[in-house]
Amino acid sequence: KYGVPPEVDVMFDVRFLPNPFYIMDLRMKTGLEK
């Protein structure tokens, strides 16, 4: 949603995986949290 980084050489799209954004307990957390 913020655009593809121009410096990327090889890109993988993982939007096919279930999105934690739609889990209320996880929405405000990040992928760095357990």
PDB file of all heavy atoms in Angstrom:
ATOM      1  N   LYS A   1       0.823  -1.209   0.000  1.00  0.00           N
ATOM      2  CA  LYS A   1       0.000   0.000   0.000  1.00  0.00           C
ATOM      3  C   LYS A   1       0.861   1.264   0.000  1.00  0.00           C
ATOM      4  O   LYS A   1       0.376   2.351  -0.333  1.00  0.00           O
ATOM      5  CB  LYS A   1      -0.942   0.000   1.208  1.00  0.00           C
ATOM      6  CG  LYS A   1      -0.259   0.101   2.545  1.00  0.00           C
ATOM      7  CD  LYS A   1      -1.249  -0.082   3.700  1.00  0.00           C
ATOM      8  CE  LYS A   1      -2.241   1.052   3.790  1.00  0.00           C
ATOM      9  NZ  LYS A   1      -3.123   0.910   4.966  1.00  0.00           N
ATOM     10  N   TYR A   2       2.132   1.129   0.348  1.00  0.00           N
ATOM     11  CA  TYR A   2       3.050   2.264   0.352  1.00  0.00           C
ATOM     12  C   TYR A   2       4.030   2.227  -0.826  1.00  0.00           C
ATOM     13  O   TYR A   2       4.950   3.040  -0.896  1.00  0.00           O
ATOM     14  CB  TYR A   2       3.829   2.308   1.665  1.00  0.00           C
ATOM     15  CG  TYR A   2       2.947   2.356   2.887  1.00  0.00           C
ATOM     16  CD1 TYR A   2       2.901   1.280   3.773  1.00  0.00           C
ATOM     17  CD2 TYR A   2       2.126   3.450   3.133  1.00  0.00           C
ATOM     18  CE1 TYR A   2       2.079   1.309   4.893  1.00  0.00           C
ATOM     19  CE2 TYR A   2       1.296   3.479   4.244  1.00  0.00           C
ATOM     20  CZ  TYR A   2       1.271   2.406   5.119  1.00  0.00           C
ATOM     21  OH  TYR A   2       0.449   2.443   6.210  1.00  0.00           O
ATOM     22  N   GLY A   3       3.840   1.277  -1.713  1.00  0.00           N
ATOM     23  CA  GLY A   3       4.693   1.183  -2.888  1.00  0.00           C
ATOM     24  C   GLY A   3       5.829   0.187  -2.730  1.00  0.00           C
ATOM     25  O   GLY A   3       6.277  -0.088  -1.615  1.00  0.00           O
ATOM     26  N   VAL A   4       6.286  -0.344  -3.855  1.00  0.00           N
ATOM     27  CA  VAL A   4       7.390  -1.303  -3.853  1.00  0.00           C
ATOM     28  C   VAL A   4       8.712  -0.542  -3.730  1.00  0.00           C
ATOM     29  O   VAL A   4       8.939   0.418  -4.469  1.00  0.00           O
ATOM     30  CB  VAL A   4       7.387  -2.149  -5.138  1.00  0.00           C
ATOM     31  CG1 VAL A   4       8.595  -3.074  -5.175  1.00  0.00           C
ATOM     32  CG2 VAL A   4       6.094  -2.950  -5.239  1.00  0.00           C
ATOM     33  N   PRO A   5       9.595  -0.934  -2.817  1.00  0.00           N
ATOM     34  CA  PRO A   5      10.900  -0.257  -2.689  1.00  0.00           C
ATOM     35  C   PRO A   5      11.704  -0.369  -3.982  1.00  0.00           C
ATOM     36  O   PRO A   5      11.871  -1.468  -4.512  1.00  0.00           O
ATOM     37  CB  PRO A   5      11.589  -1.018  -1.542  1.00  0.00           C
ATOM     38  CG  PRO A   5      10.477  -1.689  -0.797  1.00  0.00           C
ATOM     39  CD  PRO A   5       9.429  -2.002  -1.820  1.00  0.00           C
ATOM     40  N   PRO A   6      12.199   0.741  -4.501  1.00  0.00           N
ATOM     41  CA  PRO A   6      12.929   0.690  -5.787  1.00  0.00           C
ATOM     42  C   PRO A   6      14.234  -0.083  -5.715  1.00  0.00           C
ATOM     43  O   PRO A   6      14.746  -0.532  -6.740  1.00  0.00           O
ATOM     44  CB  PRO A   6      13.173   2.175  -6.100  1.00  0.00           C
ATOM     45  CG  PRO A   6      13.116   2.860  -4.776  1.00  0.00           C
ATOM     46  CD  PRO A   6      12.097   2.101  -3.972  1.00  0.00           C
ATOM     47  N   GLU A   7      14.792  -0.245  -4.498  1.00  0.00           N
ATOM     48  CA  GLU A   7      16.091  -0.914  -4.383  1.00  0.00           C
ATOM     49  C   GLU A   7      15.985  -2.437  -4.345  1.00  0.00           C
ATOM     50  O   GLU A   7      17.013  -3.141  -4.355  1.00  0.00           O
ATOM     51  CB  GLU A   7      16.834  -0.436  -3.129  1.00  0.00           C
ATOM     52  CG  GLU A   7      16.132  -0.741  -1.815  1.00  0.00           C
ATOM     53  CD  GLU A   7      15.253   0.392  -1.335  1.00  0.00           C
ATOM     54  OE1 GLU A   7      14.570   1.011  -2.172  1.00  0.00           O
ATOM     55  OE2 GLU A   7      15.231   0.656  -0.115  1.00  0.00           O
ATOM     56  N   VAL A   8      14.767  -2.985  -4.293  1.00  0.00           N
ATOM     57  CA  VAL A   8      14.589  -4.433  -4.199  1.00  0.00           C
ATOM     58  C   VAL A   8      14.996  -5.119  -5.500  1.00  0.00           C
ATOM     59  O   VAL A   8      14.603  -4.705  -6.589  1.00  0.00           O
ATOM     60  CB  VAL A   8      13.127  -4.775  -3.847  1.00  0.00           C
ATOM     61  CG1 VAL A   8      12.839  -6.253  -4.089  1.00  0.00           C
ATOM     62  CG2 VAL A   8      12.840  -4.422  -2.394  1.00  0.00           C
ATOM     63  N   ASP A   9      15.809  -6.168  -5.392  1.00  0.00           N
ATOM     64  CA  ASP A   9      16.224  -6.955  -6.555  1.00  0.00           C
ATOM     65  C   ASP A   9      15.289  -8.136  -6.806  1.00  0.00           C
ATOM     66  O   ASP A   9      14.952  -8.445  -7.949  1.00  0.00           O
ATOM     67  CB  ASP A   9      17.656  -7.481  -6.347  1.00  0.00           C
ATOM     68  CG  ASP A   9      18.676  -6.368  -6.248  1.00  0.00           C
ATOM     69  OD1 ASP A   9      18.847  -5.650  -7.239  1.00  0.00           O
ATOM     70  OD2 ASP A   9      19.290  -6.213  -5.176  1.00  0.00           O
ATOM     71  N   VAL A  10      14.909  -8.841  -5.736  1.00  0.00           N
ATOM     72  CA  VAL A  10      14.035 -10.009  -5.836  1.00  0.00           C
ATOM     73  C   VAL A  10      12.903  -9.824  -4.833  1.00  0.00           C
ATOM     74  O   VAL A  10      13.162  -9.597  -3.644  1.00  0.00           O
ATOM     75  CB  VAL A  10      14.800 -11.317  -5.538  1.00  0.00           C
ATOM     76  CG1 VAL A  10      13.867 -12.514  -5.684  1.00  0.00           C
ATOM     77  CG2 VAL A  10      15.999 -11.465  -6.464  1.00  0.00           C
ATOM     78  N   MET A  11      11.671  -9.928  -5.288  1.00  0.00           N
ATOM     79  CA  MET A  11      10.517  -9.613  -4.437  1.00  0.00           C
ATOM     80  C   MET A  11       9.588 -10.815  -4.280  1.00  0.00           C
ATOM     81  O   MET A  11       9.356 -11.568  -5.235  1.00  0.00           O
ATOM     82  CB  MET A  11       9.736  -8.447  -5.051  1.00  0.00           C
ATOM     83  CG  MET A  11       8.525  -8.008  -4.252  1.00  0.00           C
ATOM     84  SD  MET A  11       7.685  -6.623  -5.075  1.00  0.00           S
ATOM     85  CE  MET A  11       7.086  -7.425  -6.569  1.00  0.00           C
ATOM     86  N   PHE A  12       9.075 -10.979  -3.062  1.00  0.00           N
ATOM     87  CA  PHE A  12       8.100 -12.026  -2.770  1.00  0.00           C
ATOM     88  C   PHE A  12       6.864 -11.387  -2.143  1.00  0.00           C
ATOM     89  O   PHE A  12       6.968 -10.574  -1.219  1.00  0.00           O
ATOM     90  CB  PHE A  12       8.700 -13.067  -1.821  1.00  0.00           C
ATOM     91  CG  PHE A  12       9.925 -13.750  -2.364  1.00  0.00           C
ATOM     92  CD1 PHE A  12      11.199 -13.316  -2.004  1.00  0.00           C
ATOM     93  CD2 PHE A  12       9.816 -14.798  -3.267  1.00  0.00           C
ATOM     94  CE1 PHE A  12      12.328 -13.922  -2.512  1.00  0.00           C
ATOM     95  CE2 PHE A  12      10.938 -15.410  -3.788  1.00  0.00           C
ATOM     96  CZ  PHE A  12      12.202 -14.981  -3.413  1.00  0.00           C
ATOM     97  N   ASP A  13       5.703 -11.768  -2.654  1.00  0.00           N
ATOM     98  CA  ASP A  13       4.421 -11.236  -2.193  1.00  0.00           C
ATOM     99  C   ASP A  13       3.767 -12.266  -1.271  1.00  0.00           C
ATOM    100  O   ASP A  13       3.443 -13.381  -1.699  1.00  0.00           O
ATOM    101  CB  ASP A  13       3.534 -10.966  -3.411  1.00  0.00           C
ATOM    102  CG  ASP A  13       2.193 -10.358  -3.049  1.00  0.00           C
ATOM    103  OD1 ASP A  13       1.835 -10.328  -1.852  1.00  0.00           O
ATOM    104  OD2 ASP A  13       1.484  -9.923  -3.972  1.00  0.00           O
ATOM    105  N   VAL A  14       3.573 -11.926   0.016  1.00  0.00           N
ATOM    106  CA  VAL A  14       3.000 -12.882   0.968  1.00  0.00           C
ATOM    107  C   VAL A  14       1.595 -12.472   1.404  1.00  0.00           C
ATOM    108  O   VAL A  14       1.111 -12.877   2.460  1.00  0.00           O
ATOM    109  CB  VAL A  14       3.917 -13.051   2.202  1.00  0.00           C
ATOM    110  CG1 VAL A  14       5.250 -13.639   1.788  1.00  0.00           C
ATOM    111  CG2 VAL A  14       4.119 -11.733   2.939  1.00  0.00           C
ATOM    112  N   ARG A  15       0.898 -11.710   0.577  1.00  0.00           N
ATOM    113  CA  ARG A  15      -0.460 -11.297   0.921  1.00  0.00           C
ATOM    114  C   ARG A  15      -1.456 -12.445   0.855  1.00  0.00           C
ATOM    115  O   ARG A  15      -2.609 -12.281   1.266  1.00  0.00           O
ATOM    116  CB  ARG A  15      -0.903 -10.157  -0.013  1.00  0.00           C
ATOM    117  CG  ARG A  15      -0.218  -8.829   0.285  1.00  0.00           C
ATOM    118  CD  ARG A  15      -0.615  -7.741  -0.703  1.00  0.00           C
ATOM    119  NE  ARG A  15      -0.071  -8.011  -2.028  1.00  0.00           N
ATOM    120  CZ  ARG A  15      -0.210  -7.181  -3.074  1.00  0.00           C
ATOM    121  NH1 ARG A  15      -0.881  -6.044  -2.920  1.00  0.00           N
ATOM    122  NH2 ARG A  15       0.317  -7.481  -4.235  1.00  0.00           N
ATOM    123  N   PHE A  16      -1.026 -13.594   0.377  1.00  0.00           N
ATOM    124  CA  PHE A  16      -1.914 -14.758   0.347  1.00  0.00           C
ATOM    125  C   PHE A  16      -2.083 -15.393   1.725  1.00  0.00           C
ATOM    126  O   PHE A  16      -2.983 -16.212   1.941  1.00  0.00           O
ATOM    127  CB  PHE A  16      -1.394 -15.812  -0.643  1.00  0.00           C
ATOM    128  CG  PHE A  16      -0.079 -16.421  -0.258  1.00  0.00           C
ATOM    129  CD1 PHE A  16      -0.040 -17.584   0.495  1.00  0.00           C
ATOM    130  CD2 PHE A  16       1.119 -15.840  -0.646  1.00  0.00           C
ATOM    131  CE1 PHE A  16       1.174 -18.155   0.864  1.00  0.00           C
ATOM    132  CE2 PHE A  16       2.329 -16.396  -0.290  1.00  0.00           C
ATOM    133  CZ  PHE A  16       2.367 -17.550   0.469  1.00  0.00           C
ATOM    134  N   LEU A  17      -1.225 -15.033   2.666  1.00  0.00           N
ATOM    135  CA  LEU A  17      -1.304 -15.590   4.019  1.00  0.00           C
ATOM    136  C   LEU A  17      -2.338 -14.828   4.849  1.00  0.00           C
ATOM    137  O   LEU A  17      -2.585 -13.642   4.620  1.00  0.00           O
ATOM    138  CB  LEU A  17       0.064 -15.510   4.710  1.00  0.00           C
ATOM    139  CG  LEU A  17       1.200 -16.297   4.066  1.00  0.00           C
ATOM    140  CD1 LEU A  17       2.519 -15.991   4.766  1.00  0.00           C
ATOM    141  CD2 LEU A  17       0.901 -17.791   4.113  1.00  0.00           C
ATOM    142  N   PRO A  18      -2.963 -15.496   5.833  1.00  0.00           N
ATOM    143  CA  PRO A  18      -3.939 -14.827   6.705  1.00  0.00           C
ATOM    144  C   PRO A  18      -3.325 -13.596   7.369  1.00  0.00           C
ATOM    145  O   PRO A  18      -2.188 -13.627   7.837  1.00  0.00           O
ATOM    146  CB  PRO A  18      -4.294 -15.900   7.735  1.00  0.00           C
ATOM    147  CG  PRO A  18      -4.022 -17.195   7.031  1.00  0.00           C
ATOM    148  CD  PRO A  18      -2.841 -16.940   6.147  1.00  0.00           C
ATOM    149  N   ASN A  19      -4.095 -12.511   7.416  1.00  0.00           N
ATOM    150  CA  ASN A  19      -3.594 -11.237   7.894  1.00  0.00           C
ATOM    151  C   ASN A  19      -3.888 -11.025   9.383  1.00  0.00           C
ATOM    152  O   ASN A  19      -5.058 -10.939   9.776  1.00  0.00           O
ATOM    153  CB  ASN A  19      -4.221 -10.096   7.094  1.00  0.00           C
ATOM    154  CG  ASN A  19      -3.518  -8.770   7.307  1.00  0.00           C
ATOM    155  OD1 ASN A  19      -2.708  -8.627   8.219  1.00  0.00           O
ATOM    156  ND2 ASN A  19      -3.842  -7.804   6.464  1.00  0.00           N
ATOM    157  N   PRO A  20      -2.864 -10.905  10.225  1.00  0.00           N
ATOM    158  CA  PRO A  20      -3.089 -10.656  11.662  1.00  0.00           C
ATOM    159  C   PRO A  20      -3.796  -9.337  11.930  1.00  0.00           C
ATOM    160  O   PRO A  20      -4.307  -9.123  13.034  1.00  0.00           O
ATOM    161  CB  PRO A  20      -1.658 -10.627  12.235  1.00  0.00           C
ATOM    162  CG  PRO A  20      -0.845 -11.399  11.265  1.00  0.00           C
ATOM    163  CD  PRO A  20      -1.428 -11.099   9.927  1.00  0.00           C
ATOM    164  N   PHE A  21      -3.848  -8.457  10.963  1.00  0.00           N
ATOM    165  CA  PHE A  21      -4.526  -7.177  11.137  1.00  0.00           C
ATOM    166  C   PHE A  21      -5.984  -7.372  11.541  1.00  0.00           C
ATOM    167  O   PHE A  21      -6.568  -6.540  12.250  1.00  0.00           O
ATOM    168  CB  PHE A  21      -4.440  -6.379   9.832  1.00  0.00           C
ATOM    169  CG  PHE A  21      -5.153  -5.061   9.873  1.00  0.00           C
ATOM    170  CD1 PHE A  21      -4.534  -3.934  10.405  1.00  0.00           C
ATOM    171  CD2 PHE A  21      -6.444  -4.946   9.376  1.00  0.00           C
ATOM    172  CE1 PHE A  21      -5.198  -2.716  10.436  1.00  0.00           C
ATOM    173  CE2 PHE A  21      -7.115  -3.732   9.409  1.00  0.00           C
ATOM    174  CZ  PHE A  21      -6.493  -2.611   9.941  1.00  0.00           C
ATOM    175  N   TYR A  22      -6.582  -8.463  11.071  1.00  0.00           N
ATOM    176  CA  TYR A  22      -8.003  -8.702  11.341  1.00  0.00           C
ATOM    177  C   TYR A  22      -8.243  -9.435  12.655  1.00  0.00           C
ATOM    178  O   TYR A  22      -9.380  -9.772  12.981  1.00  0.00           O
ATOM    179  CB  TYR A  22      -8.625  -9.474  10.176  1.00  0.00           C
ATOM    180  CG  TYR A  22      -8.581  -8.668   8.895  1.00  0.00           C
ATOM    181  CD1 TYR A  22      -7.733  -9.030   7.849  1.00  0.00           C
ATOM    182  CD2 TYR A  22      -9.371  -7.533   8.734  1.00  0.00           C
ATOM    183  CE1 TYR A  22      -7.674  -8.283   6.675  1.00  0.00           C
ATOM    184  CE2 TYR A  22      -9.330  -6.784   7.564  1.00  0.00           C
ATOM    185  CZ  TYR A  22      -8.470  -7.160   6.548  1.00  0.00           C
ATOM    186  OH  TYR A  22      -8.428  -6.420   5.400  1.00  0.00           O
ATOM    187  N   ILE A  23      -7.177  -9.688  13.407  1.00  0.00           N
ATOM    188  CA  ILE A  23      -7.300 -10.248  14.761  1.00  0.00           C
ATOM    189  C   ILE A  23      -7.102  -9.086  15.727  1.00  0.00           C
ATOM    190  O   ILE A  23      -6.012  -8.517  15.801  1.00  0.00           O
ATOM    191  CB  ILE A  23      -6.252 -11.353  15.006  1.00  0.00           C
ATOM    192  CG1 ILE A  23      -6.302 -12.417  13.904  1.00  0.00           C
ATOM    193  CG2 ILE A  23      -6.443 -11.963  16.384  1.00  0.00           C
ATOM    194  CD1 ILE A  23      -7.613 -13.156  13.805  1.00  0.00           C
ATOM    195  N   MET A  24      -8.159  -8.729  16.458  1.00  0.00           N
ATOM    196  CA  MET A  24      -8.114  -7.513  17.255  1.00  0.00           C
ATOM    197  C   MET A  24      -6.960  -7.500  18.240  1.00  0.00           C
ATOM    198  O   MET A  24      -6.342  -6.455  18.478  1.00  0.00           O
ATOM    199  CB  MET A  24      -9.443  -7.336  17.997  1.00  0.00           C
ATOM    200  CG  MET A  24     -10.622  -7.044  17.075  1.00  0.00           C
ATOM    201  SD  MET A  24     -10.317  -5.615  15.988  1.00  0.00           S
ATOM    202  CE  MET A  24     -10.061  -4.309  17.200  1.00  0.00           C
ATOM    203  N   ASP A  25      -6.613  -8.654  18.829  1.00  0.00           N
ATOM    204  CA  ASP A  25      -5.519  -8.698  19.803  1.00  0.00           C
ATOM    205  C   ASP A  25      -4.146  -8.516  19.152  1.00  0.00           C
ATOM    206  O   ASP A  25      -3.161  -8.239  19.845  1.00  0.00           O
ATOM    207  CB  ASP A  25      -5.542 -10.030  20.563  1.00  0.00           C
ATOM    208  CG  ASP A  25      -6.742 -10.137  21.497  1.00  0.00           C
ATOM    209  OD1 ASP A  25      -7.328  -9.086  21.823  1.00  0.00           O
ATOM    210  OD2 ASP A  25      -7.073 -11.269  21.887  1.00  0.00           O
ATOM    211  N   LEU A  26      -4.087  -8.682  17.830  1.00  0.00           N
ATOM    212  CA  LEU A  26      -2.814  -8.599  17.122  1.00  0.00           C
ATOM    213  C   LEU A  26      -2.665  -7.336  16.282  1.00  0.00           C
ATOM    214  O   LEU A  26      -1.553  -6.995  15.878  1.00  0.00           O
ATOM    215  CB  LEU A  26      -2.629  -9.818  16.213  1.00  0.00           C
ATOM    216  CG  LEU A  26      -2.690 -11.196  16.890  1.00  0.00           C
ATOM    217  CD1 LEU A  26      -2.513 -12.287  15.839  1.00  0.00           C
ATOM    218  CD2 LEU A  26      -1.637 -11.319  17.978  1.00  0.00           C
ATOM    219  N   ARG A  27      -3.761  -6.648  16.027  1.00  0.00           N
ATOM    220  CA  ARG A  27      -3.751  -5.523  15.089  1.00  0.00           C
ATOM    221  C   ARG A  27      -2.694  -4.483  15.426  1.00  0.00           C
ATOM    222  O   ARG A  27      -2.003  -3.979  14.526  1.00  0.00           O
ATOM    223  CB  ARG A  27      -5.126  -4.876  15.037  1.00  0.00           C
ATOM    224  CG  ARG A  27      -5.189  -3.645  14.159  1.00  0.00           C
ATOM    225  CD  ARG A  27      -6.583  -3.110  13.995  1.00  0.00           C
ATOM    226  NE  ARG A  27      -7.449  -4.063  13.295  1.00  0.00           N
ATOM    227  CZ  ARG A  27      -8.698  -3.772  12.912  1.00  0.00           C
ATOM    228  NH1 ARG A  27      -9.215  -2.581  13.194  1.00  0.00           N
ATOM    229  NH2 ARG A  27      -9.416  -4.671  12.282  1.00  0.00           N
ATOM    230  N   MET A  28      -2.556  -4.112  16.671  1.00  0.00           N
ATOM    231  CA  MET A  28      -1.639  -3.047  17.061  1.00  0.00           C
ATOM    232  C   MET A  28      -0.219  -3.551  17.343  1.00  0.00           C
ATOM    233  O   MET A  28       0.660  -2.766  17.672  1.00  0.00           O
ATOM    234  CB  MET A  28      -2.177  -2.304  18.284  1.00  0.00           C
ATOM    235  CG  MET A  28      -3.564  -1.704  18.076  1.00  0.00           C
ATOM    236  SD  MET A  28      -3.643  -0.660  16.579  1.00  0.00           S
ATOM    237  CE  MET A  28      -2.491   0.638  17.010  1.00  0.00           C
ATOM    238  N   LYS A  29      -0.021  -4.846  17.220  1.00  0.00           N
ATOM    239  CA  LYS A  29       1.311  -5.413  17.412  1.00  0.00           C
ATOM    240  C   LYS A  29       2.034  -5.496  16.071  1.00  0.00           C
ATOM    241  O   LYS A  29       1.455  -5.219  15.020  1.00  0.00           O
ATOM    242  CB  LYS A  29       1.210  -6.801  18.057  1.00  0.00           C
ATOM    243  CG  LYS A  29       0.570  -6.810  19.454  1.00  0.00           C
ATOM    244  CD  LYS A  29       0.531  -8.209  20.027  1.00  0.00           C
ATOM    245  CE  LYS A  29      -0.160  -8.242  21.386  1.00  0.00           C
ATOM    246  NZ  LYS A  29       0.581  -7.461  22.398  1.00  0.00           N
ATOM    247  N   THR A  30       3.300  -5.893  16.089  1.00  0.00           N
ATOM    248  CA  THR A  30       4.080  -6.040  14.859  1.00  0.00           C
ATOM    249  C   THR A  30       4.614  -7.460  14.744  1.00  0.00           C
ATOM    250  O   THR A  30       4.537  -8.256  15.698  1.00  0.00           O
ATOM    251  CB  THR A  30       5.279  -5.067  14.827  1.00  0.00           C
ATOM    252  OG1 THR A  30       6.295  -5.537  15.730  1.00  0.00           O
ATOM    253  CG2 THR A  30       4.858  -3.662  15.225  1.00  0.00           C
ATOM    254  N   GLY A  31       5.180  -7.745  13.593  1.00  0.00           N
ATOM    255  CA  GLY A  31       5.748  -9.060  13.353  1.00  0.00           C
ATOM    256  C   GLY A  31       6.977  -9.368  14.178  1.00  0.00           C
ATOM    257  O   GLY A  31       7.477 -10.504  14.160  1.00  0.00           O
ATOM    258  N   LEU A  32       7.472  -8.382  14.927  1.00  0.00           N
ATOM    259  CA  LEU A  32       8.602  -8.628  15.812  1.00  0.00           C
ATOM    260  C   LEU A  32       8.165  -9.175  17.165  1.00  0.00           C
ATOM    261  O   LEU A  32       9.015  -9.566  17.971  1.00  0.00           O
ATOM    262  CB  LEU A  32       9.402  -7.330  16.019  1.00  0.00           C
ATOM    263  CG  LEU A  32      10.077  -6.743  14.768  1.00  0.00           C
ATOM    264  CD1 LEU A  32      10.759  -5.433  15.110  1.00  0.00           C
ATOM    265  CD2 LEU A  32      11.069  -7.735  14.174  1.00  0.00           C
ATOM    266  N   GLU A  33       6.868  -9.190  17.394  1.00  0.00           N
ATOM    267  CA  GLU A  33       6.345  -9.670  18.675  1.00  0.00           C
ATOM    268  C   GLU A  33       5.910 -11.126  18.555  1.00  0.00           C
ATOM    269  O   GLU A  33       5.418 -11.573  17.518  1.00  0.00           O
ATOM    270  CB  GLU A  33       5.197  -8.781  19.132  1.00  0.00           C
ATOM    271  CG  GLU A  33       5.656  -7.340  19.363  1.00  0.00           C
ATOM    272  CD  GLU A  33       4.530  -6.418  19.778  1.00  0.00           C
ATOM    273  OE1 GLU A  33       3.991  -6.608  20.894  1.00  0.00           O
ATOM    274  OE2 GLU A  33       4.177  -5.515  18.999  1.00  0.00           O
ATOM    275  N   LYS A  34       6.101 -11.855  19.644  1.00  0.00           N
ATOM    276  CA  LYS A  34       5.929 -13.306  19.644  1.00  0.00           C
ATOM    277  C   LYS A  34       4.533 -13.738  19.220  1.00  0.00           C
ATOM    278  O   LYS A  34       4.366 -14.732  18.506  1.00  0.00           O
ATOM    279  CB  LYS A  34       6.247 -13.858  21.046  1.00  0.00           C
ATOM    280  CG  LYS A  34       6.385 -15.377  21.088  1.00  0.00           C
ATOM    281  CD  LYS A  34       7.572 -15.829  20.254  1.00  0.00           C
ATOM    282  CE  LYS A  34       7.755 -17.351  20.331  1.00  0.00           C
ATOM    283  NZ  LYS A  34       8.894 -17.792  19.504  1.00  0.00           N
TER     284      LYS A  34
END
